[in-house]
Amino acid sequence: NLRHLEALRRSREAMMAAVQAVESEEAALSEEFVLVDLQAAAGFLQDVTGRRSTDELLVHVFSRFCIGK
């Protein structure tokens, strides 16, 4: 479905960003960027496979939206 295709596209983009960070001249300084990109890619793939847990989903939702009191 379209949601899965979008998640796969975003996962690929995150993986490509990780590759670019590894290949960059500042590779020693960018380890954290590689990890963030790989975690994002894994999260998008988990959206497709349904392996993302409820707690992870809530963290994902609340990190994206500002919910006031």
PDB file of N, CA and C in Angstrom:
ATOM      1  N   ASN A   1       0.830  -1.187   0.000  1.00  0.00           N
ATOM      2  CA  ASN A   1       0.000   0.000   0.000  1.00  0.00           C
ATOM      3  C   ASN A   1       0.874   1.250   0.000  1.00  0.00           C
ATOM      4  N   LEU A   2       0.265   2.391  -0.115  1.00  0.00           N
ATOM      5  CA  LEU A   2       1.022   3.641  -0.209  1.00  0.00           C
ATOM      6  C   LEU A   2       1.824   3.948   1.048  1.00  0.00           C
ATOM      7  N   ARG A   3       1.284   3.607   2.197  1.00  0.00           N
ATOM      8  CA  ARG A   3       2.002   3.851   3.458  1.00  0.00           C
ATOM      9  C   ARG A   3       3.296   3.046   3.499  1.00  0.00           C
ATOM     10  N   HIS A   4       3.230   1.796   3.049  1.00  0.00           N
ATOM     11  CA  HIS A   4       4.425   0.952   3.013  1.00  0.00           C
ATOM     12  C   HIS A   4       5.449   1.475   2.008  1.00  0.00           C
ATOM     13  N   LEU A   5       4.975   1.894   0.847  1.00  0.00           N
ATOM     14  CA  LEU A   5       5.890   2.444  -0.153  1.00  0.00           C
ATOM     15  C   LEU A   5       6.600   3.690   0.365  1.00  0.00           C
ATOM     16  N   GLU A   6       5.870   4.540   1.054  1.00  0.00           N
ATOM     17  CA  GLU A   6       6.467   5.744   1.629  1.00  0.00           C
ATOM     18  C   GLU A   6       7.488   5.380   2.703  1.00  0.00           C
ATOM     19  N   ALA A   7       7.183   4.410   3.542  1.00  0.00           N
ATOM     20  CA  ALA A   7       8.124   3.980   4.578  1.00  0.00           C
ATOM     21  C   ALA A   7       9.387   3.396   3.948  1.00  0.00           C
ATOM     22  N   LEU A   8       9.234   2.628   2.882  1.00  0.00           N
ATOM     23  CA  LEU A   8      10.398   2.069   2.191  1.00  0.00           C
ATOM     24  C   LEU A   8      11.235   3.178   1.550  1.00  0.00           C
ATOM     25  N   ARG A   9      10.584   4.159   0.966  1.00  0.00           N
ATOM     26  CA  ARG A   9      11.305   5.281   0.366  1.00  0.00           C
ATOM     27  C   ARG A   9      12.097   6.041   1.425  1.00  0.00           C
ATOM     28  N   ARG A  10      11.464   6.293   2.548  1.00  0.00           N
ATOM     29  CA  ARG A  10      12.130   7.027   3.636  1.00  0.00           C
ATOM     30  C   ARG A  10      13.266   6.206   4.245  1.00  0.00           C
ATOM     31  N   SER A  11      13.092   4.897   4.320  1.00  0.00           N
ATOM     32  CA  SER A  11      14.155   4.036   4.814  1.00  0.00           C
ATOM     33  C   SER A  11      15.362   4.093   3.884  1.00  0.00           C
ATOM     34  N   ARG A  12      15.101   4.035   2.591  1.00  0.00           N
ATOM     35  CA  ARG A  12      16.197   4.113   1.613  1.00  0.00           C
ATOM     36  C   ARG A  12      16.925   5.446   1.729  1.00  0.00           C
ATOM     37  N   GLU A  13      16.192   6.532   1.874  1.00  0.00           N
ATOM     38  CA  GLU A  13      16.813   7.850   2.018  1.00  0.00           C
ATOM     39  C   GLU A  13      17.693   7.910   3.270  1.00  0.00           C
ATOM     40  N   ALA A  14      17.208   7.340   4.368  1.00  0.00           N
ATOM     41  CA  ALA A  14      17.985   7.330   5.605  1.00  0.00           C
ATOM     42  C   ALA A  14      19.252   6.493   5.444  1.00  0.00           C
ATOM     43  N   MET A  15      19.150   5.360   4.763  1.00  0.00           N
ATOM     44  CA  MET A  15      20.332   4.530   4.535  1.00  0.00           C
ATOM     45  C   MET A  15      21.336   5.241   3.633  1.00  0.00           C
ATOM     46  N   MET A  16      20.852   5.939   2.620  1.00  0.00           N
ATOM     47  CA  MET A  16      21.752   6.684   1.742  1.00  0.00           C
ATOM     48  C   MET A  16      22.449   7.810   2.516  1.00  0.00           C
ATOM     49  N   ALA A  17      21.745   8.450   3.427  1.00  0.00           N
ATOM     50  CA  ALA A  17      22.354   9.484   4.257  1.00  0.00           C
ATOM     51  C   ALA A  17      23.441   8.884   5.139  1.00  0.00           C
ATOM     52  N   ALA A  18      23.216   7.677   5.652  1.00  0.00           N
ATOM     53  CA  ALA A  18      24.232   6.999   6.459  1.00  0.00           C
ATOM     54  C   ALA A  18      25.467   6.696   5.616  1.00  0.00           C
ATOM     55  N   VAL A  19      25.270   6.229   4.407  1.00  0.00           N
ATOM     56  CA  VAL A  19      26.390   5.941   3.511  1.00  0.00           C
ATOM     57  C   VAL A  19      27.179   7.215   3.227  1.00  0.00           C
ATOM     58  N   GLN A  20      26.480   8.298   2.962  1.00  0.00           N
ATOM     59  CA  GLN A  20      27.157   9.571   2.687  1.00  0.00           C
ATOM     60  C   GLN A  20      27.950  10.042   3.900  1.00  0.00           C
ATOM     61  N   ALA A  21      27.410   9.847   5.099  1.00  0.00           N
ATOM     62  CA  ALA A  21      28.119  10.241   6.314  1.00  0.00           C
ATOM     63  C   ALA A  21      29.390   9.414   6.491  1.00  0.00           C
ATOM     64  N   VAL A  22      29.320   8.123   6.191  1.00  0.00           N
ATOM     65  CA  VAL A  22      30.494   7.257   6.311  1.00  0.00           C
ATOM     66  C   VAL A  22      31.559   7.659   5.300  1.00  0.00           C
ATOM     67  N   GLU A  23      31.138   8.018   4.102  1.00  0.00           N
ATOM     68  CA  GLU A  23      32.077   8.346   3.032  1.00  0.00           C
ATOM     69  C   GLU A  23      32.584   9.787   3.088  1.00  0.00           C
ATOM     70  N   SER A  24      32.028  10.584   3.979  1.00  0.00           N
ATOM     71  CA  SER A  24      32.418  11.992   4.039  1.00  0.00           C
ATOM     72  C   SER A  24      33.834  12.139   4.585  1.00  0.00           C
ATOM     73  N   GLU A  25      34.430  13.291   4.324  1.00  0.00           N
ATOM     74  CA  GLU A  25      35.783  13.575   4.801  1.00  0.00           C
ATOM     75  C   GLU A  25      35.826  13.646   6.322  1.00  0.00           C
ATOM     76  N   GLU A  26      34.742  14.016   6.932  1.00  0.00           N
ATOM     77  CA  GLU A  26      34.673  14.124   8.398  1.00  0.00           C
ATOM     78  C   GLU A  26      34.098  12.848   9.004  1.00  0.00           C
ATOM     79  N   ALA A  27      34.408  11.694   8.447  1.00  0.00           N
ATOM     80  CA  ALA A  27      33.808  10.423   8.876  1.00  0.00           C
ATOM     81  C   ALA A  27      34.009  10.174  10.362  1.00  0.00           C
ATOM     82  N   ALA A  28      35.139  10.543  10.895  1.00  0.00           N
ATOM     83  CA  ALA A  28      35.385  10.311  12.326  1.00  0.00           C
ATOM     84  C   ALA A  28      34.456  11.152  13.189  1.00  0.00           C
ATOM     85  N   LEU A  29      34.027  12.279  12.678  1.00  0.00           N
ATOM     86  CA  LEU A  29      33.150  13.159  13.444  1.00  0.00           C
ATOM     87  C   LEU A  29      31.679  12.832  13.253  1.00  0.00           C
ATOM     88  N   SER A  30      31.365  11.965  12.307  1.00  0.00           N
ATOM     89  CA  SER A  30      29.972  11.762  11.941  1.00  0.00           C
ATOM     90  C   SER A  30      29.395  10.418  12.387  1.00  0.00           C
ATOM     91  N   GLU A  31      30.049   9.714  13.305  1.00  0.00           N
ATOM     92  CA  GLU A  31      29.535   8.415  13.741  1.00  0.00           C
ATOM     93  C   GLU A  31      28.118   8.526  14.291  1.00  0.00           C
ATOM     94  N   GLU A  32      27.847   9.600  15.030  1.00  0.00           N
ATOM     95  CA  GLU A  32      26.509   9.777  15.596  1.00  0.00           C
ATOM     96  C   GLU A  32      25.477   9.968  14.493  1.00  0.00           C
ATOM     97  N   PHE A  33      25.864  10.665  13.430  1.00  0.00           N
ATOM     98  CA  PHE A  33      24.947  10.887  12.313  1.00  0.00           C
ATOM     99  C   PHE A  33      24.630   9.573  11.605  1.00  0.00           C
ATOM    100  N   VAL A  34      25.639   8.728  11.486  1.00  0.00           N
ATOM    101  CA  VAL A  34      25.426   7.412  10.868  1.00  0.00           C
ATOM    102  C   VAL A  34      24.431   6.618  11.705  1.00  0.00           C
ATOM    103  N   LEU A  35      24.629   6.610  13.017  1.00  0.00           N
ATOM    104  CA  LEU A  35      23.741   5.861  13.901  1.00  0.00           C
ATOM    105  C   LEU A  35      22.316   6.386  13.837  1.00  0.00           C
ATOM    106  N   VAL A  36      22.143   7.685  13.847  1.00  0.00           N
ATOM    107  CA  VAL A  36      20.793   8.272  13.786  1.00  0.00           C
ATOM    108  C   VAL A  36      20.113   7.876  12.483  1.00  0.00           C
ATOM    109  N   ASP A  37      20.860   7.949  11.377  1.00  0.00           N
ATOM    110  CA  ASP A  37      20.282   7.581  10.076  1.00  0.00           C
ATOM    111  C   ASP A  37      19.920   6.104  10.025  1.00  0.00           C
ATOM    112  N   LEU A  38      20.781   5.246  10.570  1.00  0.00           N
ATOM    113  CA  LEU A  38      20.482   3.814  10.564  1.00  0.00           C
ATOM    114  C   LEU A  38      19.293   3.476  11.461  1.00  0.00           C
ATOM    115  N   GLN A  39      19.183   4.156  12.595  1.00  0.00           N
ATOM    116  CA  GLN A  39      18.025   3.936  13.461  1.00  0.00           C
ATOM    117  C   GLN A  39      16.741   4.387  12.776  1.00  0.00           C
ATOM    118  N   ALA A  40      16.807   5.489  12.058  1.00  0.00           N
ATOM    119  CA  ALA A  40      15.629   5.960  11.324  1.00  0.00           C
ATOM    120  C   ALA A  40      15.240   4.950  10.253  1.00  0.00           C
ATOM    121  N   ALA A  41      16.227   4.447   9.515  1.00  0.00           N
ATOM    122  CA  ALA A  41      15.951   3.452   8.475  1.00  0.00           C
ATOM    123  C   ALA A  41      15.305   2.212   9.074  1.00  0.00           C
ATOM    124  N   ALA A  42      15.834   1.749  10.200  1.00  0.00           N
ATOM    125  CA  ALA A  42      15.273   0.567  10.862  1.00  0.00           C
ATOM    126  C   ALA A  42      13.837   0.828  11.313  1.00  0.00           C
ATOM    127  N   GLY A  43      13.574   2.022  11.817  1.00  0.00           N
ATOM    128  CA  GLY A  43      12.222   2.368  12.249  1.00  0.00           C
ATOM    129  C   GLY A  43      11.225   2.338  11.101  1.00  0.00           C
ATOM    130  N   PHE A  44      11.637   2.859   9.949  1.00  0.00           N
ATOM    131  CA  PHE A  44      10.744   2.840   8.792  1.00  0.00           C
ATOM    132  C   PHE A  44      10.480   1.413   8.330  1.00  0.00           C
ATOM    133  N   LEU A  45      11.516   0.569   8.373  1.00  0.00           N
ATOM    134  CA  LEU A  45      11.317  -0.834   7.993  1.00  0.00           C
ATOM    135  C   LEU A  45      10.416  -1.546   8.990  1.00  0.00           C
ATOM    136  N   GLN A  46      10.536  -1.201  10.272  1.00  0.00           N
ATOM    137  CA  GLN A  46       9.665  -1.799  11.283  1.00  0.00           C
ATOM    138  C   GLN A  46       8.219  -1.364  11.071  1.00  0.00           C
ATOM    139  N   ASP A  47       8.013  -0.171  10.550  1.00  0.00           N
ATOM    140  CA  ASP A  47       6.651   0.258  10.222  1.00  0.00           C
ATOM    141  C   ASP A  47       6.036  -0.662   9.174  1.00  0.00           C
ATOM    142  N   VAL A  48       6.861  -1.096   8.221  1.00  0.00           N
ATOM    143  CA  VAL A  48       6.370  -1.971   7.156  1.00  0.00           C
ATOM    144  C   VAL A  48       6.101  -3.373   7.693  1.00  0.00           C
ATOM    145  N   THR A  49       7.010  -3.874   8.526  1.00  0.00           N
ATOM    146  CA  THR A  49       6.881  -5.253   9.020  1.00  0.00           C
ATOM    147  C   THR A  49       5.947  -5.367  10.212  1.00  0.00           C
ATOM    148  N   GLY A  50       5.604  -4.229  10.830  1.00  0.00           N
ATOM    149  CA  GLY A  50       4.730  -4.273  12.003  1.00  0.00           C
ATOM    150  C   GLY A  50       5.456  -4.629  13.279  1.00  0.00           C
ATOM    151  N   ARG A  51       6.778  -4.505  13.291  1.00  0.00           N
ATOM    152  CA  ARG A  51       7.557  -4.900  14.456  1.00  0.00           C
ATOM    153  C   ARG A  51       7.772  -3.767  15.443  1.00  0.00           C
ATOM    154  N   ARG A  52       7.324  -2.568  15.124  1.00  0.00           N
ATOM    155  CA  ARG A  52       7.501  -1.452  16.051  1.00  0.00           C
ATOM    156  C   ARG A  52       6.525  -1.624  17.203  1.00  0.00           C
ATOM    157  N   SER A  53       7.030  -1.570  18.415  1.00  0.00           N
ATOM    158  CA  SER A  53       6.181  -1.796  19.589  1.00  0.00           C
ATOM    159  C   SER A  53       5.328  -0.571  19.877  1.00  0.00           C
ATOM    160  N   THR A  54       4.333  -0.748  20.721  1.00  0.00           N
ATOM    161  CA  THR A  54       3.438   0.344  21.086  1.00  0.00           C
ATOM    162  C   THR A  54       4.203   1.470  21.751  1.00  0.00           C
ATOM    163  N   ASP A  55       5.123   1.142  22.672  1.00  0.00           N
ATOM    164  CA  ASP A  55       5.905   2.180  23.332  1.00  0.00           C
ATOM    165  C   ASP A  55       6.739   2.960  22.330  1.00  0.00           C
ATOM    166  N   GLU A  56       7.366   2.262  21.398  1.00  0.00           N
ATOM    167  CA  GLU A  56       8.155   2.938  20.377  1.00  0.00           C
ATOM    168  C   GLU A  56       7.269   3.807  19.503  1.00  0.00           C
ATOM    169  N   LEU A  57       6.088   3.332  19.202  1.00  0.00           N
ATOM    170  CA  LEU A  57       5.158   4.108  18.388  1.00  0.00           C
ATOM    171  C   LEU A  57       4.745   5.377  19.119  1.00  0.00           C
ATOM    172  N   LEU A  58       4.454   5.281  20.408  1.00  0.00           N
ATOM    173  CA  LEU A  58       4.078   6.466  21.185  1.00  0.00           C
ATOM    174  C   LEU A  58       5.214   7.476  21.236  1.00  0.00           C
ATOM    175  N   VAL A  59       6.437   7.003  21.450  1.00  0.00           N
ATOM    176  CA  VAL A  59       7.590   7.902  21.457  1.00  0.00           C
ATOM    177  C   VAL A  59       7.719   8.584  20.101  1.00  0.00           C
ATOM    178  N   HIS A  60       7.527   7.823  19.049  1.00  0.00           N
ATOM    179  CA  HIS A  60       7.606   8.368  17.690  1.00  0.00           C
ATOM    180  C   HIS A  60       6.538   9.443  17.477  1.00  0.00           C
ATOM    181  N   VAL A  61       5.329   9.178  17.885  1.00  0.00           N
ATOM    182  CA  VAL A  61       4.234  10.134  17.705  1.00  0.00           C
ATOM    183  C   VAL A  61       4.487  11.395  18.523  1.00  0.00           C
ATOM    184  N   PHE A  62       4.817  11.226  19.809  1.00  0.00           N
ATOM    185  CA  PHE A  62       4.984  12.390  20.668  1.00  0.00           C
ATOM    186  C   PHE A  62       6.230  13.189  20.323  1.00  0.00           C
ATOM    187  N   SER A  63       7.213  12.586  19.667  1.00  0.00           N
ATOM    188  CA  SER A  63       8.392  13.338  19.253  1.00  0.00           C
ATOM    189  C   SER A  63       8.082  14.206  18.028  1.00  0.00           C
ATOM    190  N   ARG A  64       7.031  13.883  17.305  1.00  0.00           N
ATOM    191  CA  ARG A  64       6.674  14.600  16.087  1.00  0.00           C
ATOM    192  C   ARG A  64       5.635  15.715  16.318  1.00  0.00           C
ATOM    193  N   PHE A  65       4.864  15.608  17.377  1.00  0.00           N
ATOM    194  CA  PHE A  65       3.772  16.550  17.599  1.00  0.00           C
ATOM    195  C   PHE A  65       3.906  17.218  18.962  1.00  0.00           C
ATOM    196  N   CYS A  66       3.586  18.487  18.998  1.00  0.00           N
ATOM    197  CA  CYS A  66       3.579  19.215  20.262  1.00  0.00           C
ATOM    198  C   CYS A  66       2.178  19.111  20.847  1.00  0.00           C
ATOM    199  N   ILE A  67       2.081  18.438  21.974  1.00  0.00           N
ATOM    200  CA  ILE A  67       0.777  18.241  22.606  1.00  0.00           C
ATOM    201  C   ILE A  67       0.805  18.982  23.938  1.00  0.00           C
ATOM    202  N   GLY A  68       0.008  20.036  24.039  1.00  0.00           N
ATOM    203  CA  GLY A  68      -0.009  20.844  25.241  1.00  0.00           C
ATOM    204  C   GLY A  68      -0.973  20.296  26.284  1.00  0.00           C
ATOM    205  N   LYS A  69      -0.933  20.942  27.450  1.00  0.00           N
ATOM    206  CA  LYS A  69      -1.825  20.506  28.538  1.00  0.00           C
ATOM    207  C   LYS A  69      -3.207  21.057  28.349  1.00  0.00           C
TER     208      LYS A  69
END
